[in-house]
């Protein structure tokens, strides 16, 4: 099992303890393009085809609702 597969499995098992860098890495490896919404905004938008996922970068962990949306957008 590769490091990315292990990370994905850990995220699916416990979406409450996911750091922004971890979900960012998975989305970028899945072909999403990252942009920052408004210059100095803390919200990042990941886009692939017609699928958009917005994830804020606050605190230590990303809220579970954003992780669930990202996993659903990746189709896994």
PDB file of N, CA and C in Angstrom:
ATOM      1  N   UNK A   1       0.846  -1.171   0.000  1.00  0.00           N
ATOM      2  CA  UNK A   1       0.000   0.000   0.000  1.00  0.00           C
ATOM      3  C   UNK A   1       0.900   1.245   0.000  1.00  0.00           C
ATOM      4  N   UNK A   2       0.627   2.195  -0.907  1.00  0.00           N
ATOM      5  CA  UNK A   2       1.447   3.395  -1.010  1.00  0.00           C
ATOM      6  C   UNK A   2       1.114   4.388   0.106  1.00  0.00           C
ATOM      7  N   UNK A   3       1.953   5.398   0.240  1.00  0.00           N
ATOM      8  CA  UNK A   3       1.736   6.406   1.269  1.00  0.00           C
ATOM      9  C   UNK A   3       0.422   7.151   1.044  1.00  0.00           C
ATOM     10  N   UNK A   4       0.094   7.427  -0.224  1.00  0.00           N
ATOM     11  CA  UNK A   4      -1.160   8.121  -0.519  1.00  0.00           C
ATOM     12  C   UNK A   4      -2.373   7.265  -0.179  1.00  0.00           C
ATOM     13  N   UNK A   5      -2.282   5.978  -0.464  1.00  0.00           N
ATOM     14  CA  UNK A   5      -3.389   5.071  -0.124  1.00  0.00           C
ATOM     15  C   UNK A   5      -3.568   4.991   1.387  1.00  0.00           C
ATOM     16  N   UNK A   6      -2.468   4.970   2.135  1.00  0.00           N
ATOM     17  CA  UNK A   6      -2.552   4.948   3.593  1.00  0.00           C
ATOM     18  C   UNK A   6      -3.161   6.241   4.126  1.00  0.00           C
ATOM     19  N   UNK A   7      -2.759   7.366   3.536  1.00  0.00           N
ATOM     20  CA  UNK A   7      -3.309   8.658   3.938  1.00  0.00           C
ATOM     21  C   UNK A   7      -4.800   8.709   3.656  1.00  0.00           C
ATOM     22  N   UNK A   8      -5.198   8.260   2.487  1.00  0.00           N
ATOM     23  CA  UNK A   8      -6.617   8.241   2.125  1.00  0.00           C
ATOM     24  C   UNK A   8      -7.411   7.365   3.076  1.00  0.00           C
ATOM     25  N   UNK A   9      -6.897   6.215   3.413  1.00  0.00           N
ATOM     26  CA  UNK A   9      -7.584   5.307   4.335  1.00  0.00           C
ATOM     27  C   UNK A   9      -7.724   5.939   5.718  1.00  0.00           C
ATOM     28  N   UNK A  10      -6.668   6.622   6.176  1.00  0.00           N
ATOM     29  CA  UNK A  10      -6.715   7.275   7.478  1.00  0.00           C
ATOM     30  C   UNK A  10      -7.753   8.400   7.483  1.00  0.00           C
ATOM     31  N   UNK A  11      -7.820   9.140   6.389  1.00  0.00           N
ATOM     32  CA  UNK A  11      -8.794  10.235   6.283  1.00  0.00           C
ATOM     33  C   UNK A  11     -10.210   9.684   6.280  1.00  0.00           C
ATOM     34  N   UNK A  12     -10.441   8.606   5.562  1.00  0.00           N
ATOM     35  CA  UNK A  12     -11.779   8.015   5.517  1.00  0.00           C
ATOM     36  C   UNK A  12     -12.184   7.441   6.872  1.00  0.00           C
ATOM     37  N   UNK A  13     -11.226   6.896   7.619  1.00  0.00           N
ATOM     38  CA  UNK A  13     -11.530   6.308   8.918  1.00  0.00           C
ATOM     39  C   UNK A  13     -11.737   7.355  10.002  1.00  0.00           C
ATOM     40  N   UNK A  14     -11.019   8.473   9.926  1.00  0.00           N
ATOM     41  CA  UNK A  14     -11.128   9.495  10.960  1.00  0.00           C
ATOM     42  C   UNK A  14     -11.028  10.886  10.330  1.00  0.00           C
ATOM     43  N   UNK A  15     -12.123  11.399   9.756  1.00  0.00           N
ATOM     44  CA  UNK A  15     -12.076  12.693   9.071  1.00  0.00           C
ATOM     45  C   UNK A  15     -11.955  13.893  10.002  1.00  0.00           C
ATOM     46  N   UNK A  16     -11.956  13.678  11.305  1.00  0.00           N
ATOM     47  CA  UNK A  16     -11.869  14.799  12.251  1.00  0.00           C
ATOM     48  C   UNK A  16     -10.438  15.260  12.498  1.00  0.00           C
ATOM     49  N   UNK A  17      -9.456  14.453  12.130  1.00  0.00           N
ATOM     50  CA  UNK A  17      -8.058  14.791  12.411  1.00  0.00           C
ATOM     51  C   UNK A  17      -7.240  14.916  11.137  1.00  0.00           C
ATOM     52  N   UNK A  18      -7.741  15.690  10.191  1.00  0.00           N
ATOM     53  CA  UNK A  18      -7.061  15.861   8.911  1.00  0.00           C
ATOM     54  C   UNK A  18      -6.547  17.299   8.826  1.00  0.00           C
ATOM     55  N   UNK A  19      -5.281  17.434   8.542  1.00  0.00           N
ATOM     56  CA  UNK A  19      -4.677  18.757   8.370  1.00  0.00           C
ATOM     57  C   UNK A  19      -4.898  19.234   6.931  1.00  0.00           C
ATOM     58  N   UNK A  20      -4.858  20.541   6.750  1.00  0.00           N
ATOM     59  CA  UNK A  20      -5.064  21.118   5.427  1.00  0.00           C
ATOM     60  C   UNK A  20      -4.068  20.551   4.414  1.00  0.00           C
ATOM     61  N   UNK A  21      -2.820  20.433   4.804  1.00  0.00           N
ATOM     62  CA  UNK A  21      -1.778  19.954   3.892  1.00  0.00           C
ATOM     63  C   UNK A  21      -2.062  18.539   3.391  1.00  0.00           C
ATOM     64  N   UNK A  22      -2.675  17.717   4.227  1.00  0.00           N
ATOM     65  CA  UNK A  22      -2.965  16.332   3.842  1.00  0.00           C
ATOM     66  C   UNK A  22      -4.065  16.269   2.793  1.00  0.00           C
ATOM     67  N   UNK A  23      -5.159  16.991   3.001  1.00  0.00           N
ATOM     68  CA  UNK A  23      -6.254  16.948   2.022  1.00  0.00           C
ATOM     69  C   UNK A  23      -5.828  17.678   0.743  1.00  0.00           C
ATOM     70  N   UNK A  24      -5.008  18.710   0.888  1.00  0.00           N
ATOM     71  CA  UNK A  24      -4.486  19.423  -0.271  1.00  0.00           C
ATOM     72  C   UNK A  24      -3.659  18.478  -1.147  1.00  0.00           C
ATOM     73  N   UNK A  25      -2.798  17.692  -0.525  1.00  0.00           N
ATOM     74  CA  UNK A  25      -1.950  16.752  -1.254  1.00  0.00           C
ATOM     75  C   UNK A  25      -2.797  15.742  -2.039  1.00  0.00           C
ATOM     76  N   UNK A  26      -3.825  15.204  -1.396  1.00  0.00           N
ATOM     77  CA  UNK A  26      -4.678  14.230  -2.076  1.00  0.00           C
ATOM     78  C   UNK A  26      -5.417  14.850  -3.256  1.00  0.00           C
ATOM     79  N   UNK A  27      -5.979  16.034  -3.050  1.00  0.00           N
ATOM     80  CA  UNK A  27      -6.723  16.687  -4.131  1.00  0.00           C
ATOM     81  C   UNK A  27      -5.815  17.014  -5.316  1.00  0.00           C
ATOM     82  N   UNK A  28      -4.623  17.520  -5.042  1.00  0.00           N
ATOM     83  CA  UNK A  28      -3.702  17.859  -6.126  1.00  0.00           C
ATOM     84  C   UNK A  28      -3.246  16.618  -6.882  1.00  0.00           C
ATOM     85  N   UNK A  29      -3.014  15.528  -6.179  1.00  0.00           N
ATOM     86  CA  UNK A  29      -2.607  14.274  -6.833  1.00  0.00           C
ATOM     87  C   UNK A  29      -3.738  13.671  -7.655  1.00  0.00           C
ATOM     88  N   UNK A  30      -4.981  14.022  -7.308  1.00  0.00           N
ATOM     89  CA  UNK A  30      -6.141  13.522  -8.058  1.00  0.00           C
ATOM     90  C   UNK A  30      -6.485  14.419  -9.241  1.00  0.00           C
ATOM     91  N   UNK A  31      -5.649  15.433  -9.508  1.00  0.00           N
ATOM     92  CA  UNK A  31      -5.847  16.265 -10.686  1.00  0.00           C
ATOM     93  C   UNK A  31      -6.598  17.555 -10.457  1.00  0.00           C
ATOM     94  N   UNK A  32      -6.857  17.914  -9.221  1.00  0.00           N
ATOM     95  CA  UNK A  32      -7.527  19.175  -8.929  1.00  0.00           C
ATOM     96  C   UNK A  32      -6.524  20.314  -9.035  1.00  0.00           C
ATOM     97  N   UNK A  33      -7.014  21.490  -9.410  1.00  0.00           N
ATOM     98  CA  UNK A  33      -6.194  22.694  -9.499  1.00  0.00           C
ATOM     99  C   UNK A  33      -6.582  23.594  -8.340  1.00  0.00           C
ATOM    100  N   UNK A  34      -5.578  24.109  -7.639  1.00  0.00           N
ATOM    101  CA  UNK A  34      -5.811  24.909  -6.444  1.00  0.00           C
ATOM    102  C   UNK A  34      -5.697  26.396  -6.754  1.00  0.00           C
ATOM    103  N   UNK A  35      -6.626  27.189  -6.193  1.00  0.00           N
ATOM    104  CA  UNK A  35      -6.520  28.638  -6.265  1.00  0.00           C
ATOM    105  C   UNK A  35      -7.058  29.224  -4.968  1.00  0.00           C
ATOM    106  N   UNK A  36      -6.561  30.401  -4.648  1.00  0.00           N
ATOM    107  CA  UNK A  36      -7.016  31.065  -3.434  1.00  0.00           C
ATOM    108  C   UNK A  36      -8.137  32.010  -3.838  1.00  0.00           C
ATOM    109  N   UNK A  37      -9.240  31.926  -3.138  1.00  0.00           N
ATOM    110  CA  UNK A  37     -10.465  32.622  -3.532  1.00  0.00           C
ATOM    111  C   UNK A  37     -10.287  34.132  -3.687  1.00  0.00           C
ATOM    112  N   UNK A  38      -9.777  34.819  -2.708  1.00  0.00           N
ATOM    113  CA  UNK A  38      -9.735  36.275  -2.790  1.00  0.00           C
ATOM    114  C   UNK A  38      -8.424  36.869  -2.336  1.00  0.00           C
ATOM    115  N   UNK A  39      -7.349  36.568  -2.995  1.00  0.00           N
ATOM    116  CA  UNK A  39      -6.057  37.155  -2.645  1.00  0.00           C
ATOM    117  C   UNK A  39      -5.560  36.711  -1.295  1.00  0.00           C
ATOM    118  N   UNK A  40      -5.954  37.419  -0.236  1.00  0.00           N
ATOM    119  CA  UNK A  40      -5.490  37.101   1.105  1.00  0.00           C
ATOM    120  C   UNK A  40      -6.477  36.250   1.883  1.00  0.00           C
ATOM    121  N   UNK A  41      -7.413  35.644   1.194  1.00  0.00           N
ATOM    122  CA  UNK A  41      -8.439  34.830   1.853  1.00  0.00           C
ATOM    123  C   UNK A  41      -7.844  33.545   2.411  1.00  0.00           C
ATOM    124  N   UNK A  42      -8.500  33.013   3.435  1.00  0.00           N
ATOM    125  CA  UNK A  42      -8.054  31.745   4.006  1.00  0.00           C
ATOM    126  C   UNK A  42      -8.772  30.563   3.364  1.00  0.00           C
ATOM    127  N   UNK A  43      -9.640  30.831   2.395  1.00  0.00           N
ATOM    128  CA  UNK A  43     -10.376  29.774   1.718  1.00  0.00           C
ATOM    129  C   UNK A  43      -9.694  29.438   0.394  1.00  0.00           C
ATOM    130  N   UNK A  44      -9.506  28.158   0.156  1.00  0.00           N
ATOM    131  CA  UNK A  44      -8.891  27.677  -1.069  1.00  0.00           C
ATOM    132  C   UNK A  44      -9.924  26.908  -1.873  1.00  0.00           C
ATOM    133  N   UNK A  45      -9.912  27.119  -3.183  1.00  0.00           N
ATOM    134  CA  UNK A  45     -10.851  26.451  -4.082  1.00  0.00           C
ATOM    135  C   UNK A  45     -10.066  25.446  -4.914  1.00  0.00           C
ATOM    136  N   UNK A  46     -10.556  24.216  -4.944  1.00  0.00           N
ATOM    137  CA  UNK A  46      -9.961  23.155  -5.747  1.00  0.00           C
ATOM    138  C   UNK A  46     -10.950  22.824  -6.854  1.00  0.00           C
ATOM    139  N   UNK A  47     -10.478  22.817  -8.106  1.00  0.00           N
ATOM    140  CA  UNK A  47     -11.365  22.618  -9.247  1.00  0.00           C
ATOM    141  C   UNK A  47     -10.825  21.514 -10.145  1.00  0.00           C
ATOM    142  N   UNK A  48     -11.754  20.682 -10.598  1.00  0.00           N
ATOM    143  CA  UNK A  48     -11.442  19.665 -11.600  1.00  0.00           C
ATOM    144  C   UNK A  48     -12.693  19.494 -12.446  1.00  0.00           C
ATOM    145  N   UNK A  49     -12.580  19.797 -13.727  1.00  0.00           N
ATOM    146  CA  UNK A  49     -13.719  19.780 -14.642  1.00  0.00           C
ATOM    147  C   UNK A  49     -14.809  20.696 -14.095  1.00  0.00           C
ATOM    148  N   UNK A  50     -15.987  20.160 -13.785  1.00  0.00           N
ATOM    149  CA  UNK A  50     -17.096  20.964 -13.259  1.00  0.00           C
ATOM    150  C   UNK A  50     -17.273  20.799 -11.758  1.00  0.00           C
ATOM    151  N   UNK A  51     -16.300  20.218 -11.095  1.00  0.00           N
ATOM    152  CA  UNK A  51     -16.390  19.954  -9.654  1.00  0.00           C
ATOM    153  C   UNK A  51     -15.546  20.986  -8.905  1.00  0.00           C
ATOM    154  N   UNK A  52     -16.177  21.662  -7.943  1.00  0.00           N
ATOM    155  CA  UNK A  52     -15.491  22.641  -7.107  1.00  0.00           C
ATOM    156  C   UNK A  52     -15.574  22.219  -5.654  1.00  0.00           C
ATOM    157  N   UNK A  53     -14.474  22.383  -4.926  1.00  0.00           N
ATOM    158  CA  UNK A  53     -14.449  22.116  -3.486  1.00  0.00           C
ATOM    159  C   UNK A  53     -13.745  23.300  -2.835  1.00  0.00           C
ATOM    160  N   UNK A  54     -14.394  23.914  -1.862  1.00  0.00           N
ATOM    161  CA  UNK A  54     -13.796  25.012  -1.117  1.00  0.00           C
ATOM    162  C   UNK A  54     -13.426  24.514   0.269  1.00  0.00           C
ATOM    163  N   UNK A  55     -12.178  24.767   0.655  1.00  0.00           N
ATOM    164  CA  UNK A  55     -11.700  24.319   1.962  1.00  0.00           C
ATOM    165  C   UNK A  55     -11.010  25.489   2.653  1.00  0.00           C
ATOM    166  N   UNK A  56     -11.505  25.871   3.839  1.00  0.00           N
ATOM    167  CA  UNK A  56     -10.836  26.944   4.584  1.00  0.00           C
ATOM    168  C   UNK A  56      -9.610  26.421   5.320  1.00  0.00           C
ATOM    169  N   UNK A  57      -8.657  27.314   5.487  1.00  0.00           N
ATOM    170  CA  UNK A  57      -7.433  26.942   6.191  1.00  0.00           C
ATOM    171  C   UNK A  57      -7.416  27.704   7.520  1.00  0.00           C
ATOM    172  N   UNK A  58      -8.044  27.112   8.527  1.00  0.00           N
ATOM    173  CA  UNK A  58      -8.123  27.691   9.866  1.00  0.00           C
ATOM    174  C   UNK A  58      -7.673  26.651  10.874  1.00  0.00           C
ATOM    175  N   UNK A  59      -6.980  27.056  11.880  1.00  0.00           N
ATOM    176  CA  UNK A  59      -6.660  26.159  12.983  1.00  0.00           C
ATOM    177  C   UNK A  59      -5.813  24.963  12.602  1.00  0.00           C
ATOM    178  N   UNK A  60      -5.809  23.995  13.492  1.00  0.00           N
ATOM    179  CA  UNK A  60      -4.962  22.815  13.334  1.00  0.00           C
ATOM    180  C   UNK A  60      -5.540  21.807  12.339  1.00  0.00           C
ATOM    181  N   UNK A  61      -6.853  21.555  12.431  1.00  0.00           N
ATOM    182  CA  UNK A  61      -7.503  20.565  11.570  1.00  0.00           C
ATOM    183  C   UNK A  61      -8.607  21.207  10.739  1.00  0.00           C
ATOM    184  N   UNK A  62      -8.886  20.597   9.581  1.00  0.00           N
ATOM    185  CA  UNK A  62      -9.984  21.024   8.725  1.00  0.00           C
ATOM    186  C   UNK A  62     -11.265  20.399   9.273  1.00  0.00           C
ATOM    187  N   UNK A  63     -12.353  21.171   9.273  1.00  0.00           N
ATOM    188  CA  UNK A  63     -13.625  20.651   9.764  1.00  0.00           C
ATOM    189  C   UNK A  63     -14.061  19.424   8.956  1.00  0.00           C
ATOM    190  N   UNK A  64     -14.710  18.508   9.640  1.00  0.00           N
ATOM    191  CA  UNK A  64     -15.120  17.234   9.052  1.00  0.00           C
ATOM    192  C   UNK A  64     -16.014  17.415   7.828  1.00  0.00           C
ATOM    193  N   UNK A  65     -16.875  18.410   7.834  1.00  0.00           N
ATOM    194  CA  UNK A  65     -17.797  18.608   6.718  1.00  0.00           C
ATOM    195  C   UNK A  65     -17.034  18.884   5.413  1.00  0.00           C
ATOM    196  N   UNK A  66     -15.941  19.630   5.485  1.00  0.00           N
ATOM    197  CA  UNK A  66     -15.141  19.923   4.295  1.00  0.00           C
ATOM    198  C   UNK A  66     -14.380  18.687   3.820  1.00  0.00           C
ATOM    199  N   UNK A  67     -13.931  17.874   4.751  1.00  0.00           N
ATOM    200  CA  UNK A  67     -13.241  16.637   4.382  1.00  0.00           C
ATOM    201  C   UNK A  67     -14.204  15.699   3.663  1.00  0.00           C
ATOM    202  N   UNK A  68     -15.424  15.580   4.185  1.00  0.00           N
ATOM    203  CA  UNK A  68     -16.418  14.712   3.551  1.00  0.00           C
ATOM    204  C   UNK A  68     -16.751  15.207   2.144  1.00  0.00           C
ATOM    205  N   UNK A  69     -16.853  16.516   1.951  1.00  0.00           N
ATOM    206  CA  UNK A  69     -17.119  17.073   0.618  1.00  0.00           C
ATOM    207  C   UNK A  69     -15.965  16.784  -0.332  1.00  0.00           C
ATOM    208  N   UNK A  70     -14.729  16.905   0.167  1.00  0.00           N
ATOM    209  CA  UNK A  70     -13.557  16.640  -0.673  1.00  0.00           C
ATOM    210  C   UNK A  70     -13.474  15.173  -1.082  1.00  0.00           C
ATOM    211  N   UNK A  71     -13.745  14.284  -0.142  1.00  0.00           N
ATOM    212  CA  UNK A  71     -13.724  12.846  -0.457  1.00  0.00           C
ATOM    213  C   UNK A  71     -14.794  12.520  -1.478  1.00  0.00           C
ATOM    214  N   UNK A  72     -15.963  13.122  -1.325  1.00  0.00           N
ATOM    215  CA  UNK A  72     -17.051  12.884  -2.286  1.00  0.00           C
ATOM    216  C   UNK A  72     -16.674  13.438  -3.664  1.00  0.00           C
ATOM    217  N   UNK A  73     -16.028  14.605  -3.705  1.00  0.00           N
ATOM    218  CA  UNK A  73     -15.622  15.208  -4.983  1.00  0.00           C
ATOM    219  C   UNK A  73     -14.577  14.352  -5.689  1.00  0.00           C
ATOM    220  N   UNK A  74     -13.726  13.669  -4.916  1.00  0.00           N
ATOM    221  CA  UNK A  74     -12.718  12.801  -5.511  1.00  0.00           C
ATOM    222  C   UNK A  74     -13.319  11.494  -6.017  1.00  0.00           C
ATOM    223  N   UNK A  75     -14.547  11.210  -5.615  1.00  0.00           N
ATOM    224  CA  UNK A  75     -15.210   9.999  -6.078  1.00  0.00           C
ATOM    225  C   UNK A  75     -14.742   8.740  -5.420  1.00  0.00           C
ATOM    226  N   UNK A  76     -14.377   8.839  -4.131  1.00  0.00           N
ATOM    227  CA  UNK A  76     -13.888   7.670  -3.406  1.00  0.00           C
ATOM    228  C   UNK A  76     -14.643   7.463  -2.122  1.00  0.00           C
TER     229      UNK A  76
END
